[in-house]
Amino acid sequence: MNLIRTCFFYTIFYSWTTIFFIVFSPVKFFSRKFVLKLSKFWTASVIKLTKVILKINYQIIGLENIPKKKFFLLVSNHQCAWETFFYSFFFNNSIFILKKELKKVPLMSRYFKKLGFIFIERDKGFKSIKHIINSIKLAKRKGVKVIIIFPEGTRTPVNENGKINTGAFAIHKILKIPLLVVKHNAGKYWRNKKFIKIPGTIQMRIFPLIERAESKEFFIKKIEKLFY
């Protein structure tokens, strides 16, 4: 049954996604506000399809910890594609900090550029951090409310510990942006690099806002404790 559900889901998903991005391909002629609405509509449709066809739902604990007015850095574990769809859908006017390889994703790359997604070039060290800091400042001036980063740097399987990178701490320290840490187990159901998805309810926990992480060591230990 799970195989049938998954096949049906991907048939609908790829057909709908291709049609959507072809119809709305002239992104450079759209305003950023309109592209935000398109992005939210598409990601909402993916979450809905996931719920209806794959029977993958979600439950959130700690909604009260989300700042209502503050600009913040969302620090999340990364297990699969589901959370990228979900965060775009759930957090209004948010953008991602992503690895530079994703800059070339067909169709979506134009949307990434228009929305102001920030791309990391890890081999450039300090120059990359400087680019990220300046990009975040610009994003904030444009009205972005949430910056999303995956400090593990890559997808980490369920029940495995990843390596926490310190880029998020550098952003936090330099720009004095509070950290909102989010943990989930989406990879348990939306299994990364495995075709068949498993029905179930994703558990997501939003922890209290961290206003100040005093040191890099504190940051790493804190994130590891919350993630793993």
C-alpha atoms as a PDB file:
ATOM      1  CA  MET A   1       0.000   0.000   0.000  1.00  0.00           C
ATOM      2  CA  ASN A   2       2.841   2.391   0.834  1.00  0.00           C
ATOM      3  CA  LEU A   3       4.369   1.754  -2.584  1.00  0.00           C
ATOM      4  CA  ILE A   4       1.082   2.612  -4.315  1.00  0.00           C
ATOM      5  CA  ARG A   5       0.672   5.764  -2.229  1.00  0.00           C
ATOM      6  CA  THR A   6       4.233   6.869  -2.957  1.00  0.00           C
ATOM      7  CA  CYS A   7       3.924   6.267  -6.722  1.00  0.00           C
ATOM      8  CA  PHE A   8       0.658   8.180  -6.823  1.00  0.00           C
ATOM      9  CA  PHE A   9       2.130  11.013  -4.769  1.00  0.00           C
ATOM     10  CA  TYR A  10       5.173  11.450  -7.005  1.00  0.00           C
ATOM     11  CA  THR A  11       3.054  11.312 -10.156  1.00  0.00           C
ATOM     12  CA  ILE A  12       0.888  14.162  -8.836  1.00  0.00           C
ATOM     13  CA  PHE A  13       3.815  16.022  -7.273  1.00  0.00           C
ATOM     14  CA  TYR A  14       6.045  16.118 -10.365  1.00  0.00           C
ATOM     15  CA  SER A  15       3.164  16.827 -12.760  1.00  0.00           C
ATOM     16  CA  TRP A  16       1.830  19.651 -10.585  1.00  0.00           C
ATOM     17  CA  THR A  17       5.295  21.091  -9.879  1.00  0.00           C
ATOM     18  CA  THR A  18       6.293  21.104 -13.556  1.00  0.00           C
ATOM     19  CA  ILE A  19       3.056  22.792 -14.625  1.00  0.00           C
ATOM     20  CA  PHE A  20       3.253  25.321 -11.789  1.00  0.00           C
ATOM     21  CA  PHE A  21       6.826  26.420 -12.446  1.00  0.00           C
ATOM     22  CA  ILE A  22       6.364  26.551 -16.215  1.00  0.00           C
ATOM     23  CA  VAL A  23       3.234  28.694 -15.919  1.00  0.00           C
ATOM     24  CA  PHE A  24       4.964  31.018 -13.449  1.00  0.00           C
ATOM     25  CA  SER A  25       8.412  30.854 -15.055  1.00  0.00           C
ATOM     26  CA  PRO A  26       8.747  34.604 -15.918  1.00  0.00           C
ATOM     27  CA  VAL A  27       9.787  35.277 -12.306  1.00  0.00           C
ATOM     28  CA  LYS A  28      11.938  38.287 -13.159  1.00  0.00           C
ATOM     29  CA  PHE A  29       8.803  40.176 -14.163  1.00  0.00           C
ATOM     30  CA  PHE A  30       7.062  39.494 -10.830  1.00  0.00           C
ATOM     31  CA  SER A  31       7.376  41.472  -7.634  1.00  0.00           C
ATOM     32  CA  ARG A  32       9.013  39.761  -4.673  1.00  0.00           C
ATOM     33  CA  LYS A  33       5.722  40.042  -2.785  1.00  0.00           C
ATOM     34  CA  PHE A  34       3.925  38.095  -5.523  1.00  0.00           C
ATOM     35  CA  VAL A  35       6.667  35.451  -5.655  1.00  0.00           C
ATOM     36  CA  LEU A  36       6.341  35.032  -1.877  1.00  0.00           C
ATOM     37  CA  LYS A  37       2.649  34.281  -2.343  1.00  0.00           C
ATOM     38  CA  LEU A  38       3.416  31.804  -5.137  1.00  0.00           C
ATOM     39  CA  SER A  39       6.040  30.096  -2.994  1.00  0.00           C
ATOM     40  CA  LYS A  40       3.690  29.797  -0.044  1.00  0.00           C
ATOM     41  CA  PHE A  41       0.900  28.463  -2.267  1.00  0.00           C
ATOM     42  CA  TRP A  42       3.137  25.796  -3.815  1.00  0.00           C
ATOM     43  CA  THR A  43       4.703  24.654  -0.532  1.00  0.00           C
ATOM     44  CA  ALA A  44       1.263  24.558   1.109  1.00  0.00           C
ATOM     45  CA  SER A  45       0.064  22.329  -1.731  1.00  0.00           C
ATOM     46  CA  VAL A  46       3.014  19.963  -1.190  1.00  0.00           C
ATOM     47  CA  ILE A  47       2.295  19.705   2.538  1.00  0.00           C
ATOM     48  CA  LYS A  48      -1.369  19.043   1.745  1.00  0.00           C
ATOM     49  CA  LEU A  49      -0.537  16.346  -0.830  1.00  0.00           C
ATOM     50  CA  THR A  50       1.835  14.764   1.671  1.00  0.00           C
ATOM     51  CA  LYS A  51      -0.911  14.675   4.282  1.00  0.00           C
ATOM     52  CA  VAL A  52      -3.706  13.426   2.002  1.00  0.00           C
ATOM     53  CA  ILE A  53      -1.823  10.929  -0.178  1.00  0.00           C
ATOM     54  CA  LEU A  54       1.155   9.808   1.881  1.00  0.00           C
ATOM     55  CA  LYS A  55      -0.734  10.076   5.182  1.00  0.00           C
ATOM     56  CA  ILE A  56       2.171  12.015   6.704  1.00  0.00           C
ATOM     57  CA  ASN A  57       0.893  14.610   9.168  1.00  0.00           C
ATOM     58  CA  TYR A  58       2.713  16.761  11.718  1.00  0.00           C
ATOM     59  CA  GLN A  59       2.378  17.851  15.329  1.00  0.00           C
ATOM     60  CA  ILE A  60       4.119  20.897  16.792  1.00  0.00           C
ATOM     61  CA  ILE A  61       5.065  21.424  20.430  1.00  0.00           C
ATOM     62  CA  GLY A  62       6.214  24.874  21.569  1.00  0.00           C
ATOM     63  CA  LEU A  63       4.307  27.207  19.246  1.00  0.00           C
ATOM     64  CA  GLU A  64       4.302  29.766  22.045  1.00  0.00           C
ATOM     65  CA  ASN A  65       8.103  30.068  21.675  1.00  0.00           C
ATOM     66  CA  ILE A  66       7.889  31.620  18.188  1.00  0.00           C
ATOM     67  CA  PRO A  67       8.584  35.374  18.422  1.00  0.00           C
ATOM     68  CA  LYS A  68       5.685  37.407  17.084  1.00  0.00           C
ATOM     69  CA  LYS A  69       7.619  40.551  16.237  1.00  0.00           C
ATOM     70  CA  LYS A  70      11.337  39.764  16.461  1.00  0.00           C
ATOM     71  CA  PHE A  71      13.589  39.045  13.506  1.00  0.00           C
ATOM     72  CA  PHE A  72      15.247  35.685  14.263  1.00  0.00           C
ATOM     73  CA  LEU A  73      17.508  32.909  12.999  1.00  0.00           C
ATOM     74  CA  LEU A  74      15.778  29.529  12.834  1.00  0.00           C
ATOM     75  CA  VAL A  75      18.266  26.738  13.540  1.00  0.00           C
ATOM     76  CA  SER A  76      16.945  23.316  12.541  1.00  0.00           C
ATOM     77  CA  ASN A  77      18.150  19.759  12.160  1.00  0.00           C
ATOM     78  CA  HIS A  78      18.008  18.498   8.584  1.00  0.00           C
ATOM     79  CA  GLN A  79      16.793  15.005   7.669  1.00  0.00           C
ATOM     80  CA  CYS A  80      14.938  15.225   4.348  1.00  0.00           C
ATOM     81  CA  ALA A  81      13.156  17.503   1.860  1.00  0.00           C
ATOM     82  CA  TRP A  82       9.950  17.716   3.908  1.00  0.00           C
ATOM     83  CA  GLU A  83      11.199  20.335   6.362  1.00  0.00           C
ATOM     84  CA  THR A  84      12.268  22.692   3.570  1.00  0.00           C
ATOM     85  CA  PHE A  85       8.728  22.614   2.161  1.00  0.00           C
ATOM     86  CA  PHE A  86       7.238  22.975   5.625  1.00  0.00           C
ATOM     87  CA  TYR A  87       9.331  25.930   6.818  1.00  0.00           C
ATOM     88  CA  SER A  88       8.591  27.919   3.643  1.00  0.00           C
ATOM     89  CA  PHE A  89       4.898  27.218   4.139  1.00  0.00           C
ATOM     90  CA  PHE A  90       4.743  27.765   7.915  1.00  0.00           C
ATOM     91  CA  PHE A  91       7.046  30.765   8.513  1.00  0.00           C
ATOM     92  CA  ASN A  92       5.904  33.848   6.633  1.00  0.00           C
ATOM     93  CA  ASN A  93       8.479  35.841   4.677  1.00  0.00           C
ATOM     94  CA  SER A  94      11.339  33.487   5.446  1.00  0.00           C
ATOM     95  CA  ILE A  95      14.453  32.670   3.429  1.00  0.00           C
ATOM     96  CA  PHE A  96      17.051  29.895   3.612  1.00  0.00           C
ATOM     97  CA  ILE A  97      20.804  29.822   3.877  1.00  0.00           C
ATOM     98  CA  LEU A  98      21.737  26.924   1.592  1.00  0.00           C
ATOM     99  CA  LYS A  99      24.800  25.266   0.085  1.00  0.00           C
ATOM    100  CA  LYS A 100      25.791  26.819  -3.253  1.00  0.00           C
ATOM    101  CA  GLU A 101      25.061  23.607  -5.216  1.00  0.00           C
ATOM    102  CA  LEU A 102      21.313  24.247  -4.794  1.00  0.00           C
ATOM    103  CA  LYS A 103      21.689  27.527  -6.649  1.00  0.00           C
ATOM    104  CA  LYS A 104      21.461  25.582  -9.922  1.00  0.00           C
ATOM    105  CA  VAL A 105      18.264  23.590  -9.244  1.00  0.00           C
ATOM    106  CA  PRO A 106      16.186  23.699 -12.476  1.00  0.00           C
ATOM    107  CA  LEU A 107      13.065  25.899 -12.440  1.00  0.00           C
ATOM    108  CA  MET A 108      13.345  26.744  -8.737  1.00  0.00           C
ATOM    109  CA  SER A 109      16.656  28.629  -9.000  1.00  0.00           C
ATOM    110  CA  ARG A 110      14.875  31.707 -10.362  1.00  0.00           C
ATOM    111  CA  TYR A 111      12.581  31.685  -7.357  1.00  0.00           C
ATOM    112  CA  PHE A 112      15.528  31.300  -4.981  1.00  0.00           C
ATOM    113  CA  LYS A 113      17.140  34.375  -6.520  1.00  0.00           C
ATOM    114  CA  LYS A 114      13.972  36.478  -6.464  1.00  0.00           C
ATOM    115  CA  LEU A 115      13.205  35.576  -2.859  1.00  0.00           C
ATOM    116  CA  GLY A 116      16.757  36.383  -1.810  1.00  0.00           C
ATOM    117  CA  PHE A 117      17.960  32.969  -0.669  1.00  0.00           C
ATOM    118  CA  ILE A 118      21.551  33.074   0.586  1.00  0.00           C
ATOM    119  CA  PHE A 119      24.118  30.559  -0.622  1.00  0.00           C
ATOM    120  CA  ILE A 120      27.177  29.361   1.297  1.00  0.00           C
ATOM    121  CA  GLU A 121      30.534  28.896  -0.382  1.00  0.00           C
ATOM    122  CA  ARG A 122      32.331  26.998   2.375  1.00  0.00           C
ATOM    123  CA  ASP A 123      35.663  26.974   0.567  1.00  0.00           C
ATOM    124  CA  LYS A 124      35.854  30.780   0.814  1.00  0.00           C
ATOM    125  CA  GLY A 125      35.956  30.903   4.630  1.00  0.00           C
ATOM    126  CA  PHE A 126      35.717  34.428   6.054  1.00  0.00           C
ATOM    127  CA  LYS A 127      34.728  35.871   2.678  1.00  0.00           C
ATOM    128  CA  SER A 128      31.681  33.570   2.678  1.00  0.00           C
ATOM    129  CA  ILE A 129      30.668  34.663   6.202  1.00  0.00           C
ATOM    130  CA  LYS A 130      31.028  38.303   5.175  1.00  0.00           C
ATOM    131  CA  HIS A 131      28.764  37.667   2.171  1.00  0.00           C
ATOM    132  CA  ILE A 132      26.169  35.965   4.392  1.00  0.00           C
ATOM    133  CA  ILE A 133      26.200  38.805   6.947  1.00  0.00           C
ATOM    134  CA  ASN A 134      25.732  41.466   4.253  1.00  0.00           C
ATOM    135  CA  SER A 135      22.992  39.376   2.601  1.00  0.00           C
ATOM    136  CA  ILE A 136      21.097  39.021   5.889  1.00  0.00           C
ATOM    137  CA  LYS A 137      21.287  42.768   6.493  1.00  0.00           C
ATOM    138  CA  LEU A 138      19.852  43.356   3.023  1.00  0.00           C
ATOM    139  CA  ALA A 139      17.143  40.732   3.554  1.00  0.00           C
ATOM    140  CA  LYS A 140      16.077  42.380   6.800  1.00  0.00           C
ATOM    141  CA  ARG A 141      15.797  45.750   5.058  1.00  0.00           C
ATOM    142  CA  LYS A 142      13.553  44.085   2.469  1.00  0.00           C
ATOM    143  CA  GLY A 143      11.194  42.886   5.186  1.00  0.00           C
ATOM    144  CA  VAL A 144      12.344  39.269   5.651  1.00  0.00           C
ATOM    145  CA  LYS A 145      11.256  38.038   9.095  1.00  0.00           C
ATOM    146  CA  VAL A 146      13.017  34.674   9.445  1.00  0.00           C
ATOM    147  CA  ILE A 147      16.407  33.351   8.300  1.00  0.00           C
ATOM    148  CA  ILE A 148      16.545  29.535   8.205  1.00  0.00           C
ATOM    149  CA  ILE A 149      19.779  27.577   8.519  1.00  0.00           C
ATOM    150  CA  PHE A 150      20.681  23.896   8.886  1.00  0.00           C
ATOM    151  CA  PRO A 151      23.874  23.879  11.014  1.00  0.00           C
ATOM    152  CA  GLU A 152      24.551  20.197  10.262  1.00  0.00           C
ATOM    153  CA  GLY A 153      25.279  21.330   6.697  1.00  0.00           C
ATOM    154  CA  THR A 154      23.772  18.228   5.155  1.00  0.00           C
ATOM    155  CA  ARG A 155      20.948  15.757   5.748  1.00  0.00           C
ATOM    156  CA  THR A 156      21.567  13.597   8.800  1.00  0.00           C
ATOM    157  CA  PRO A 157      19.736  10.254   9.126  1.00  0.00           C
ATOM    158  CA  VAL A 158      17.273   9.690  11.962  1.00  0.00           C
ATOM    159  CA  ASN A 159      18.952   8.602  15.215  1.00  0.00           C
ATOM    160  CA  GLU A 160      22.391   9.657  14.002  1.00  0.00           C
ATOM    161  CA  ASN A 161      24.454  12.594  15.212  1.00  0.00           C
ATOM    162  CA  GLY A 162      25.693  15.130  12.706  1.00  0.00           C
ATOM    163  CA  LYS A 163      28.516  17.634  12.928  1.00  0.00           C
ATOM    164  CA  ILE A 164      27.395  21.102  14.005  1.00  0.00           C
ATOM    165  CA  ASN A 165      28.961  23.901  11.964  1.00  0.00           C
ATOM    166  CA  THR A 166      29.537  27.250  13.652  1.00  0.00           C
ATOM    167  CA  GLY A 167      28.270  29.523  10.872  1.00  0.00           C
ATOM    168  CA  ALA A 168      24.970  30.059  12.701  1.00  0.00           C
ATOM    169  CA  PHE A 169      26.882  31.134  15.814  1.00  0.00           C
ATOM    170  CA  ALA A 170      28.924  33.636  13.785  1.00  0.00           C
ATOM    171  CA  ILE A 171      25.714  35.140  12.381  1.00  0.00           C
ATOM    172  CA  HIS A 172      24.168  35.246  15.857  1.00  0.00           C
ATOM    173  CA  LYS A 173      27.215  36.881  17.415  1.00  0.00           C
ATOM    174  CA  ILE A 174      27.921  39.463  14.708  1.00  0.00           C
ATOM    175  CA  LEU A 175      24.336  40.533  14.035  1.00  0.00           C
ATOM    176  CA  LYS A 176      22.963  39.829  17.535  1.00  0.00           C
ATOM    177  CA  ILE A 177      20.058  37.826  16.102  1.00  0.00           C
ATOM    178  CA  PRO A 178      18.224  35.550  18.571  1.00  0.00           C
ATOM    179  CA  LEU A 179      18.195  31.828  17.810  1.00  0.00           C
ATOM    180  CA  LEU A 180      15.057  29.711  17.557  1.00  0.00           C
ATOM    181  CA  VAL A 181      16.031  26.042  17.666  1.00  0.00           C
ATOM    182  CA  VAL A 182      13.668  23.514  16.064  1.00  0.00           C
ATOM    183  CA  LYS A 183      13.968  19.721  16.159  1.00  0.00           C
ATOM    184  CA  HIS A 184      11.874  17.226  14.184  1.00  0.00           C
ATOM    185  CA  ASN A 185      11.882  13.585  13.087  1.00  0.00           C
ATOM    186  CA  ALA A 186      10.554  14.035   9.528  1.00  0.00           C
ATOM    187  CA  GLY A 187      13.123  11.593   8.153  1.00  0.00           C
ATOM    188  CA  LYS A 188      11.398   8.765   9.997  1.00  0.00           C
ATOM    189  CA  TYR A 189       8.481   8.998   7.549  1.00  0.00           C
ATOM    190  CA  TRP A 190       9.791  11.008   4.571  1.00  0.00           C
ATOM    191  CA  ARG A 191      12.814   8.752   4.338  1.00  0.00           C
ATOM    192  CA  ASN A 192      15.741  10.452   2.684  1.00  0.00           C
ATOM    193  CA  LYS A 193      17.048   8.741  -0.497  1.00  0.00           C
ATOM    194  CA  LYS A 194      14.403   6.032  -0.159  1.00  0.00           C
ATOM    195  CA  PHE A 195      11.546   6.005  -2.616  1.00  0.00           C
ATOM    196  CA  ILE A 196       8.810   4.618  -0.376  1.00  0.00           C
ATOM    197  CA  LYS A 197       7.498   6.999   2.285  1.00  0.00           C
ATOM    198  CA  ILE A 198       5.895   5.796   5.521  1.00  0.00           C
ATOM    199  CA  PRO A 199       2.598   7.102   6.995  1.00  0.00           C
ATOM    200  CA  GLY A 200       2.850   8.699  10.422  1.00  0.00           C
ATOM    201  CA  THR A 201       2.899  11.935  12.386  1.00  0.00           C
ATOM    202  CA  ILE A 202       6.062  14.027  12.350  1.00  0.00           C
ATOM    203  CA  GLN A 203       6.925  15.357  15.798  1.00  0.00           C
ATOM    204  CA  MET A 204       8.318  18.879  15.786  1.00  0.00           C
ATOM    205  CA  ARG A 205       9.523  20.722  18.871  1.00  0.00           C
ATOM    206  CA  ILE A 206      10.221  24.459  19.027  1.00  0.00           C
ATOM    207  CA  PHE A 207      12.480  25.372  21.935  1.00  0.00           C
ATOM    208  CA  PRO A 208      12.556  28.677  23.879  1.00  0.00           C
ATOM    209  CA  LEU A 209      14.348  31.514  22.096  1.00  0.00           C
ATOM    210  CA  ILE A 210      18.079  31.830  22.778  1.00  0.00           C
ATOM    211  CA  GLU A 211      18.800  35.535  23.077  1.00  0.00           C
ATOM    212  CA  ARG A 212      22.508  35.113  23.644  1.00  0.00           C
ATOM    213  CA  ALA A 213      24.920  32.222  23.144  1.00  0.00           C
ATOM    214  CA  GLU A 214      28.017  33.323  25.001  1.00  0.00           C
ATOM    215  CA  SER A 215      30.571  31.244  23.148  1.00  0.00           C
ATOM    216  CA  LYS A 216      31.055  28.936  20.181  1.00  0.00           C
ATOM    217  CA  GLU A 217      31.503  26.003  22.568  1.00  0.00           C
ATOM    218  CA  PHE A 218      28.243  26.835  24.359  1.00  0.00           C
ATOM    219  CA  PHE A 219      26.443  27.056  21.016  1.00  0.00           C
ATOM    220  CA  ILE A 220      27.684  23.655  19.803  1.00  0.00           C
ATOM    221  CA  LYS A 221      26.900  21.903  23.091  1.00  0.00           C
ATOM    222  CA  LYS A 222      23.459  23.510  23.270  1.00  0.00           C
ATOM    223  CA  ILE A 223      22.493  22.549  19.709  1.00  0.00           C
ATOM    224  CA  GLU A 224      23.825  19.010  20.138  1.00  0.00           C
ATOM    225  CA  LYS A 225      21.844  18.615  23.360  1.00  0.00           C
ATOM    226  CA  LEU A 226      18.618  19.814  21.715  1.00  0.00           C
ATOM    227  CA  PHE A 227      19.072  17.935  18.415  1.00  0.00           C
ATOM    228  CA  TYR A 228      20.362  14.615  19.714  1.00  0.00           C
END
